[in-house]
Protein backbone atom coordinates (compact mmCIF):
# COMPACT_ATOMS: atom_id res chain seq x y z
CA UNK A 1 116.15 89.02 89.67
CA UNK A 2 113.50 89.39 92.39
CA UNK A 3 110.55 87.02 92.63
CA UNK A 4 107.36 87.05 94.68
CA UNK A 5 106.17 83.89 96.42
CA UNK A 6 102.52 83.53 97.46
CA UNK A 7 100.84 80.74 99.41
CA UNK A 8 97.20 81.08 98.43
CA UNK A 9 93.86 80.35 100.01
CA UNK A 10 93.70 83.09 102.65
CA UNK A 11 90.76 85.52 102.56
CA UNK A 12 92.01 89.10 102.85
CA UNK A 13 90.57 91.22 105.65
CA UNK A 14 91.56 94.71 106.69
CA UNK A 15 92.20 98.19 105.31
CA UNK A 16 94.42 99.21 102.41
CA UNK A 17 95.35 102.86 101.72
CA UNK A 18 95.35 103.86 98.05
CA UNK A 19 98.19 106.02 96.74
CA UNK A 20 98.48 108.68 94.08
CA UNK A 21 97.96 107.67 90.45
CA UNK A 22 101.11 106.82 88.52
CA UNK A 23 99.40 107.59 85.22
CA UNK A 24 98.49 111.06 86.50
CA UNK A 25 101.79 111.78 88.23
CA UNK A 26 103.97 111.19 85.16
CA UNK A 27 102.40 113.84 82.86
CA UNK A 28 102.13 116.22 85.82
CA UNK A 29 105.87 115.88 86.37
CA UNK A 30 106.63 116.68 82.73
CA UNK A 31 104.48 119.82 83.02
CA UNK A 32 107.27 121.25 85.19
CA UNK A 33 109.23 121.81 81.95
CA UNK A 34 106.68 124.45 80.89
CA UNK A 35 107.59 127.00 83.56
CA UNK A 36 110.53 128.61 85.30
CA UNK A 37 108.54 128.45 88.53
CA UNK A 38 108.37 125.57 90.98
CA UNK A 39 105.74 122.89 90.55
CA UNK A 40 105.12 121.06 93.83
CA UNK A 41 103.25 117.78 93.59
CA UNK A 42 101.87 115.97 96.64
CA UNK A 43 100.39 112.47 96.98
CA UNK A 44 103.12 111.22 94.65
CA UNK A 45 103.60 107.42 94.65
CA UNK A 46 107.06 105.93 95.25
CA UNK A 47 107.49 103.82 92.11
CA UNK A 48 110.16 102.80 89.63
CA UNK A 49 108.49 104.77 86.83
CA UNK A 50 108.54 107.93 88.95
CA UNK A 51 112.26 107.47 89.58
CA UNK A 52 112.92 106.90 85.88
CA UNK A 53 111.14 110.11 84.87
CA UNK A 54 112.86 112.07 87.64
CA UNK A 55 116.20 110.97 86.24
CA UNK A 56 115.17 112.19 82.78
CA UNK A 57 113.88 115.54 84.06
CA UNK A 58 117.13 116.11 85.93
CA UNK A 59 119.00 115.61 82.65
CA UNK A 60 116.85 118.40 81.22
CA UNK A 61 118.00 120.68 84.05
CA UNK A 62 115.10 120.29 86.48
CA UNK A 63 116.12 120.62 90.12
CA UNK A 64 114.32 118.25 92.46
CA UNK A 65 113.42 118.46 96.13
CA UNK A 66 111.74 115.52 97.88
CA UNK A 67 109.92 116.20 101.15
CA UNK A 68 108.93 112.67 102.14
CA UNK A 69 105.32 111.86 102.98
CA UNK A 70 102.63 114.46 103.39
CA UNK A 71 100.84 112.99 106.37
CA UNK A 72 98.27 110.25 106.97
CA UNK A 73 100.83 108.06 108.74
CA UNK A 74 103.14 108.12 105.76
CA UNK A 75 100.63 106.63 103.33
CA UNK A 76 99.55 109.79 101.51
CA UNK A 77 102.53 109.86 99.19
CA UNK A 78 105.59 111.98 98.77
CA UNK A 79 105.81 115.70 98.12
CA UNK A 80 108.03 116.57 95.18
CA UNK A 81 109.12 120.05 94.10
CA UNK A 82 110.33 120.45 90.50
CA UNK A 83 111.99 123.62 89.21
CA UNK A 84 113.01 124.03 85.57
CA UNK A 85 114.58 127.49 85.86
CA UNK A 86 116.70 126.83 82.80
CA UNK A 87 116.49 123.92 80.36
CA UNK A 88 119.96 122.38 80.29
CA UNK A 89 119.24 119.90 77.51
CA UNK A 90 116.42 119.31 75.04
CA UNK A 91 117.45 115.71 74.38
CA UNK A 92 115.72 112.69 75.93
CA UNK A 93 118.17 109.85 75.26
CA UNK A 94 117.43 106.26 74.42
CA UNK A 95 118.96 104.82 77.59
CA UNK A 96 116.25 106.55 79.66
CA UNK A 97 113.27 106.64 77.30
CA UNK A 98 113.52 102.93 76.43
CA UNK A 99 112.63 102.06 80.02
CA UNK A 100 109.29 103.84 80.03
CA UNK A 101 106.97 104.96 77.27
CA UNK A 102 105.64 107.95 79.24
CA UNK A 103 109.03 109.62 78.77
CA UNK A 104 107.80 110.77 75.35
CA UNK A 105 105.63 113.30 77.24
CA UNK A 106 108.64 115.61 77.52
CA UNK A 107 108.34 116.24 73.77
CA UNK A 108 105.44 118.70 73.84
CA UNK A 109 106.70 120.79 76.78
CA UNK A 110 110.28 121.02 75.45
CA UNK A 111 109.09 121.99 71.99
CA UNK A 112 106.67 124.60 73.36
CA UNK A 113 109.17 126.22 75.70
CA UNK A 114 112.46 125.83 73.83
CA UNK A 115 111.38 125.50 70.21
CA UNK A 116 113.23 122.22 69.77
CA UNK A 117 113.49 118.70 71.13
CA UNK A 118 115.30 115.47 70.34
CA UNK A 119 113.48 112.54 71.94
CA UNK A 120 114.17 108.85 71.53
CA UNK A 121 111.35 106.71 70.28
CA UNK A 122 109.85 105.15 73.44
CA UNK A 123 109.82 101.73 75.04
CA UNK A 124 107.72 100.43 77.95
CA UNK A 125 105.53 97.37 78.39
CA UNK A 126 105.39 94.94 75.46
CA UNK A 127 101.62 95.07 75.09
CA UNK A 128 101.41 95.80 71.40
CA UNK A 129 102.25 98.61 69.00
CA UNK A 130 101.60 102.05 70.46
CA UNK A 131 102.99 104.36 67.80
CA UNK A 132 103.61 108.02 68.52
CA UNK A 133 102.28 109.12 65.14
CA UNK A 134 99.29 110.87 66.73
CA UNK A 135 101.65 112.90 68.92
CA UNK A 136 103.76 113.87 65.91
CA UNK A 137 100.89 114.69 63.55
CA UNK A 138 99.31 116.86 66.23
CA UNK A 139 102.52 118.77 66.88
CA UNK A 140 103.03 119.20 63.14
CA UNK A 141 99.56 120.75 62.95
CA UNK A 142 100.77 123.29 65.53
CA UNK A 143 103.66 124.19 63.24
CA UNK A 144 106.41 121.84 64.38
CA UNK A 145 108.88 120.42 61.87
CA UNK A 146 109.22 116.69 62.57
CA UNK A 147 112.01 114.42 61.35
CA UNK A 148 112.47 110.79 62.36
CA UNK A 149 115.99 109.43 62.02
CA UNK A 150 118.40 107.19 63.91
CA UNK A 151 115.66 106.11 66.32
CA UNK A 152 114.96 109.67 67.46
CA UNK A 153 112.23 112.24 67.02
CA UNK A 154 113.80 115.52 65.91
CA UNK A 155 111.25 118.31 66.42
CA UNK A 156 111.73 122.03 65.81
CA UNK A 157 109.52 125.10 65.97
CA UNK A 158 111.97 128.00 65.53
CA UNK A 159 109.15 130.53 65.30
CA UNK A 160 107.17 128.92 68.10
CA UNK A 161 104.00 126.86 67.96
CA UNK A 162 100.71 128.25 66.69
CA UNK A 163 97.18 127.20 67.60
CA UNK A 164 95.23 124.86 65.32
CA UNK A 165 92.36 122.39 65.38
CA UNK A 166 93.54 118.82 65.85
CA UNK A 167 91.13 115.92 65.58
CA UNK A 168 92.53 112.61 66.79
CA UNK A 169 91.38 109.71 64.56
CA UNK A 170 91.42 107.45 67.61
CA UNK A 171 91.43 108.24 71.31
CA UNK A 172 94.98 108.54 72.64
CA UNK A 173 95.73 109.49 76.23
CA UNK A 174 99.41 110.22 75.61
CA UNK A 175 98.82 112.26 72.45
CA UNK A 176 96.11 114.29 74.19
CA UNK A 177 98.45 115.03 77.09
CA UNK A 178 101.39 115.98 74.86
CA UNK A 179 99.29 118.28 72.67
CA UNK A 180 97.52 119.79 75.68
CA UNK A 181 100.82 120.80 77.27
CA UNK A 182 102.26 122.11 74.01
CA UNK A 183 99.14 124.16 73.30
CA UNK A 184 99.34 126.07 76.59
CA UNK A 185 102.31 128.08 75.25
CA UNK A 186 101.29 128.16 71.57
CA UNK A 187 100.11 131.39 69.94
CA UNK A 188 96.36 131.64 69.56
CA UNK A 189 93.76 128.97 70.15
CA UNK A 190 94.09 125.21 69.88
CA UNK A 191 91.12 122.85 69.79
CA UNK A 192 91.66 119.15 70.49
CA UNK A 193 88.76 117.04 69.19
CA UNK A 194 88.15 113.40 70.08
CA UNK A 195 90.46 114.04 73.01
CA UNK A 196 90.91 111.39 75.70
CA UNK A 197 88.56 111.83 78.66
CA UNK A 198 90.56 109.75 81.14
CA UNK A 199 90.69 111.21 84.67
CA UNK A 200 94.46 111.49 84.42
CA UNK A 201 94.08 113.83 81.41
CA UNK A 202 91.63 115.98 83.36
CA UNK A 203 94.02 116.01 86.32
CA UNK A 204 96.76 117.35 84.06
CA UNK A 205 94.41 119.99 82.64
CA UNK A 206 93.38 121.17 86.10
CA UNK A 207 97.03 121.46 87.13
CA UNK A 208 97.84 123.46 83.99
CA UNK A 209 94.96 125.82 84.77
CA UNK A 210 96.42 126.29 88.26
CA UNK A 211 99.68 127.19 86.51
CA UNK A 212 97.94 129.89 84.49
CA UNK A 213 96.79 128.02 81.38
CA UNK A 214 93.44 128.80 79.78
CA UNK A 215 91.62 125.53 79.09
CA UNK A 216 87.92 124.87 78.50
CA UNK A 217 86.08 121.57 78.19
CA UNK A 218 87.96 119.66 80.88
CA UNK A 219 86.46 116.19 81.21
CA UNK A 220 84.98 116.25 77.68
CA UNK A 221 86.32 115.05 74.33
CA UNK A 222 86.75 118.63 73.08
CA UNK A 223 89.43 120.70 74.75
CA UNK A 224 89.89 124.37 73.87
CA UNK A 225 93.23 125.92 74.84
CA UNK A 226 94.13 129.59 74.52
CA UNK A 227 97.89 129.96 74.57
CA UNK A 228 99.55 132.21 77.14
CA UNK A 229 103.02 133.77 77.16
CA UNK A 230 104.19 131.95 80.29
CA UNK A 231 103.03 129.60 83.01
CA UNK A 232 103.80 129.84 86.72
CA UNK A 233 104.55 127.32 89.41
CA UNK A 234 101.85 125.93 91.68
CA UNK A 235 101.08 123.34 94.35
CA UNK A 236 98.99 120.40 93.17
CA UNK A 237 97.83 117.09 94.65
CA UNK A 238 97.88 113.99 92.43
CA UNK A 239 94.51 112.25 92.21
CA UNK A 240 94.07 108.74 93.73
CA UNK A 241 95.04 105.73 91.62
CA UNK A 242 91.88 104.19 90.17
CA UNK A 243 93.79 101.15 88.89
CA UNK A 244 95.33 100.43 92.28
CA UNK A 245 91.84 100.83 93.76
CA UNK A 246 90.41 98.33 91.28
CA UNK A 247 93.27 95.90 91.77
CA UNK A 248 92.76 95.64 95.53
CA UNK A 249 89.01 95.45 95.02
CA UNK A 250 89.62 92.37 92.88
CA UNK A 251 91.99 91.03 95.58
CA UNK A 252 89.09 91.11 98.04
CA UNK A 253 86.76 89.43 95.56
CA UNK A 254 89.13 86.68 94.37
CA UNK A 255 90.03 85.61 97.92
CA UNK A 256 86.48 85.77 99.31
CA UNK A 257 87.72 88.53 101.57
CA UNK A 258 86.52 91.80 103.03
CA UNK A 259 88.63 94.92 102.44
CA UNK A 260 88.18 98.63 103.07
CA UNK A 261 90.06 100.79 100.58
CA UNK A 262 90.75 104.33 101.76
CA UNK A 263 91.89 107.48 99.98
CA UNK A 264 90.00 106.60 96.80
CA UNK A 265 88.01 108.75 94.39
CA UNK A 266 84.74 106.92 93.92
CA UNK A 267 83.74 109.06 90.93
CA UNK A 268 86.46 107.38 88.87
CA UNK A 269 85.41 103.80 89.59
CA UNK A 270 82.04 103.46 87.88
CA UNK A 271 82.76 100.78 85.28
CA UNK A 272 84.96 98.68 87.58
CA UNK A 273 82.62 98.77 90.56
CA UNK A 274 79.66 98.04 88.29
CA UNK A 275 81.41 94.95 86.89
CA UNK A 276 82.24 93.70 90.37
CA UNK A 277 78.67 94.25 91.56
CA UNK A 278 77.36 92.37 88.52
CA UNK A 279 79.67 89.50 89.50
CA UNK A 280 77.99 89.37 92.92
CA UNK A 281 80.65 91.24 94.88
CA UNK A 282 79.50 93.58 97.66
CA UNK A 283 80.66 97.13 96.89
CA UNK A 284 79.66 99.65 99.57
CA UNK A 285 80.61 103.33 99.46
CA UNK A 286 79.64 104.91 102.80
CA UNK A 287 80.07 108.44 101.46
CA UNK A 288 78.32 107.69 98.18
CA UNK A 289 80.03 107.78 94.80
CA UNK A 290 82.07 110.83 95.83
CA UNK A 291 83.29 109.19 99.03
CA UNK A 292 86.91 108.49 99.84
CA UNK A 293 86.46 104.89 101.02
CA UNK A 294 84.86 101.71 99.75
CA UNK A 295 84.21 98.30 101.29
CA UNK A 296 84.59 95.34 98.93
CA UNK A 297 83.56 91.88 100.11
CA UNK A 298 82.75 88.47 98.64
CA UNK A 299 81.40 85.47 100.49
CA UNK A 300 82.34 82.83 97.93
CA UNK A 301 82.73 82.28 94.20
CA UNK A 302 81.65 85.18 92.06
CA UNK A 303 79.55 85.02 88.88
CA UNK A 304 81.06 85.30 85.43
CA UNK A 305 80.50 88.61 83.62
CA UNK A 306 81.28 89.82 80.11
CA UNK A 307 83.63 92.78 79.65
CA UNK A 308 84.83 94.97 76.80
CA UNK A 309 87.70 97.40 77.39
CA UNK A 310 86.93 100.96 76.29
CA UNK A 311 88.34 104.45 76.76
CA UNK A 312 87.05 106.22 79.88
CA UNK A 313 84.33 106.09 81.13
CA UNK A 314 84.29 102.53 79.82
CA UNK A 315 85.98 99.56 81.44
CA UNK A 316 89.74 100.34 81.61
CA UNK A 317 92.25 98.22 79.72
CA UNK A 318 94.53 98.52 82.77
CA UNK A 319 92.02 96.41 84.75
CA UNK A 320 91.49 93.73 82.12
CA UNK A 321 94.16 91.29 83.35
CA UNK A 322 93.04 91.58 86.98
CA UNK A 323 89.41 90.89 86.08
CA UNK A 324 90.46 87.93 83.94
CA UNK A 325 92.15 86.39 86.98
CA UNK A 326 88.90 86.85 88.90
CA UNK A 327 86.78 85.42 86.08
CA UNK A 328 89.09 82.39 85.94
CA UNK A 329 87.71 81.43 89.37
CA UNK A 330 84.09 82.48 88.74
CA UNK A 331 80.99 80.36 88.20
CA UNK A 332 80.08 80.16 84.53
CA UNK A 333 81.70 81.51 81.38
CA UNK A 334 82.91 85.05 80.74
CA UNK A 335 83.87 86.82 77.54
CA UNK A 336 86.55 89.51 77.78
CA UNK A 337 87.26 91.62 74.72
CA UNK A 338 90.42 93.76 74.59
CA UNK A 339 89.97 96.70 72.20
CA UNK A 340 92.81 99.01 73.25
CA UNK A 341 96.08 97.05 72.97
CA UNK A 342 96.31 94.09 70.63
CA UNK A 343 98.92 92.13 72.62
CA UNK A 344 97.41 92.61 76.05
CA UNK A 345 96.45 88.99 76.57
CA UNK A 346 99.96 87.68 77.20
CA UNK A 347 99.06 86.79 80.78
CA UNK A 348 96.73 84.07 79.49
CA UNK A 349 99.44 81.37 79.06
CA UNK A 350 100.60 82.02 82.61
CA UNK A 351 97.07 81.70 83.98
CA UNK A 352 96.73 78.45 82.02
CA UNK A 353 99.78 77.16 83.91
CA UNK A 354 97.74 77.69 87.08
CA UNK A 355 94.81 75.61 85.80
CA UNK A 356 92.67 78.35 84.25
CA UNK A 357 90.42 77.42 81.31
CA UNK A 358 90.81 80.25 78.79
CA UNK A 359 90.56 80.28 74.99
CA UNK A 360 91.86 83.25 73.01
CA UNK A 361 90.52 84.22 69.60
CA UNK A 362 92.10 87.41 68.38
CA UNK A 363 91.41 90.07 70.97
CA UNK A 364 88.73 88.00 72.70
CA UNK A 365 89.24 85.66 75.63
CA UNK A 366 86.62 83.07 76.56
CA UNK A 367 87.09 82.33 80.26
CA UNK A 368 85.42 79.26 81.76
CA UNK A 369 85.63 79.50 85.51
CA UNK A 370 87.20 76.66 87.48
CA UNK A 371 86.55 75.83 91.16
CA UNK A 372 90.17 76.52 92.11
CA UNK A 373 93.45 77.58 90.56
CA UNK A 374 96.67 75.72 91.37
CA UNK A 375 99.90 77.36 92.43
CA UNK A 376 102.69 77.30 89.85
CA UNK A 377 105.84 79.18 88.80
CA UNK A 378 104.75 81.96 86.42
CA UNK A 379 106.39 84.89 84.67
CA UNK A 380 105.18 88.50 84.39
CA UNK A 381 105.13 90.00 80.89
CA UNK A 382 103.97 93.54 81.71
CA UNK A 383 102.82 95.70 84.61
CA UNK A 384 99.16 94.71 84.83
CA UNK A 385 99.85 91.10 83.86
CA UNK A 386 102.24 90.85 86.78
CA UNK A 387 99.65 91.91 89.33
CA UNK A 388 97.02 89.62 87.78
CA UNK A 389 99.34 86.69 88.52
CA UNK A 390 99.73 87.86 92.11
CA UNK A 391 95.93 88.00 92.41
CA UNK A 392 95.62 84.50 90.96
CA UNK A 393 98.26 83.30 93.41
CA UNK A 394 96.30 84.73 96.34
CA UNK A 395 93.36 82.51 95.40
CA UNK A 396 95.28 79.43 94.25
CA UNK A 397 95.87 76.22 96.14
CA UNK A 398 99.52 75.84 97.08
CA UNK A 399 102.49 78.06 96.24
CA UNK A 400 102.81 80.47 93.33
CA UNK A 401 106.09 82.12 92.41
CA UNK A 402 105.97 85.17 90.13
CA UNK A 403 109.23 86.09 88.39
CA UNK A 404 110.23 89.29 86.55
CA UNK A 405 108.44 91.40 89.15
CA UNK A 406 110.36 94.51 88.13
CA UNK A 407 107.26 95.11 86.00
CA UNK A 408 105.22 95.18 89.20
CA UNK A 409 107.49 97.75 90.82
CA UNK A 410 106.71 100.19 88.03
CA UNK A 411 103.12 100.64 89.17
CA UNK A 412 102.44 99.26 92.67
CA UNK A 413 103.95 100.70 95.83
CA UNK A 414 104.51 98.37 98.80
CA UNK A 415 102.22 95.73 97.30
CA UNK A 416 103.54 92.83 99.39
CA UNK A 417 103.37 94.92 102.56
CA UNK A 418 99.79 96.03 101.94
CA UNK A 419 98.61 92.51 101.15
CA UNK A 420 100.49 90.89 104.04
CA UNK A 421 98.94 93.37 106.47
CA UNK A 422 95.52 92.00 105.42
CA UNK A 423 96.43 88.34 105.91
CA UNK A 424 98.14 87.33 102.68
CA UNK A 425 101.03 84.86 102.88
CA UNK A 426 103.32 86.69 100.50
CA UNK A 427 107.02 87.51 100.40
CA UNK A 428 109.61 88.93 98.04
CA UNK A 429 112.60 86.75 97.31
CA UNK A 430 115.59 88.78 96.26
CA UNK A 431 117.75 87.35 93.55
């Protein structure tokens, strides 16, 4: 099993290109099931999760064409063409779905187009219960017959789906995406209330509109969808990854470095950049908030800040672990409250192994900054936890070895290469 070794204490300096967003690319890929036409996606990151979903889509009968990079010296992502001329299978089996929770996003498209689907209950990172009940209740409101047995979701809509008003009791990105795709081919009008406002949801909605869907309220918590008889293929560019952007911004801050991040979307970074600025980090956007580059620099220890994870536009749960690593080295005490996933503090014991001073009470972590972390062998428990340990290792004295980095490969492309190009002493050890 591969490991990553880091010798810390080197300030990062240089430029890092940001890739396409994994969390946007995955639902966009499943949207290919809604049409017989070809959906071509550019700026697609090369990640394990992308490969997993491609494998599943191919089992459904989707033909795939990969055209490599789309320019910018090979750093602008791959171009992928997906054609679901005929659906060969409406089953998403356990051996694929267990690897990645986002696989459940084939449910809505298959049900809308074929009138049936058999999808395994999902797996993914072990960061707490993330039931699919909101997905299922929403689809049932559109007329689907849902039966759970033998670890599978059996869904049927023999007469097709029909529009309805669905109000989510809590904000759910995945349920919003699944219902949004299903509603595009449903009869009549569907209204999704308390819908997720995350940029990745809006990216999906804009792509669906380009495919011929009729959607109003994009970017708000109330989406109105008028069903159409069929969607068409289109060309669409995946938006930049705001979590990758934030992660490398923290890398600059935690090492006392100076990085320029290119290919970003500054409009997506409000809460993260605000938190870094409050901590005393220099965040400069030459083109303003809508610019495509940002300079992040820190001259020494940052200040502790308090954070609460919230749905967009609040502070993202996917940046919580990275900011905790930074706060572990900050001056003063920070309070970090996780409100999205109840088990998303499993990186804390690993940070403690590196000398961090953190106390957990329920979903709240009290982080007392220490002058320096110490290198140690640590183990990744999920995707964002794995990169938080890499960040801690970059700042720590001595060597840090992170094991179980297959989590990391799910969401970060060429991480070691990008960091090493900016001065990090980092290498992957195959095993």
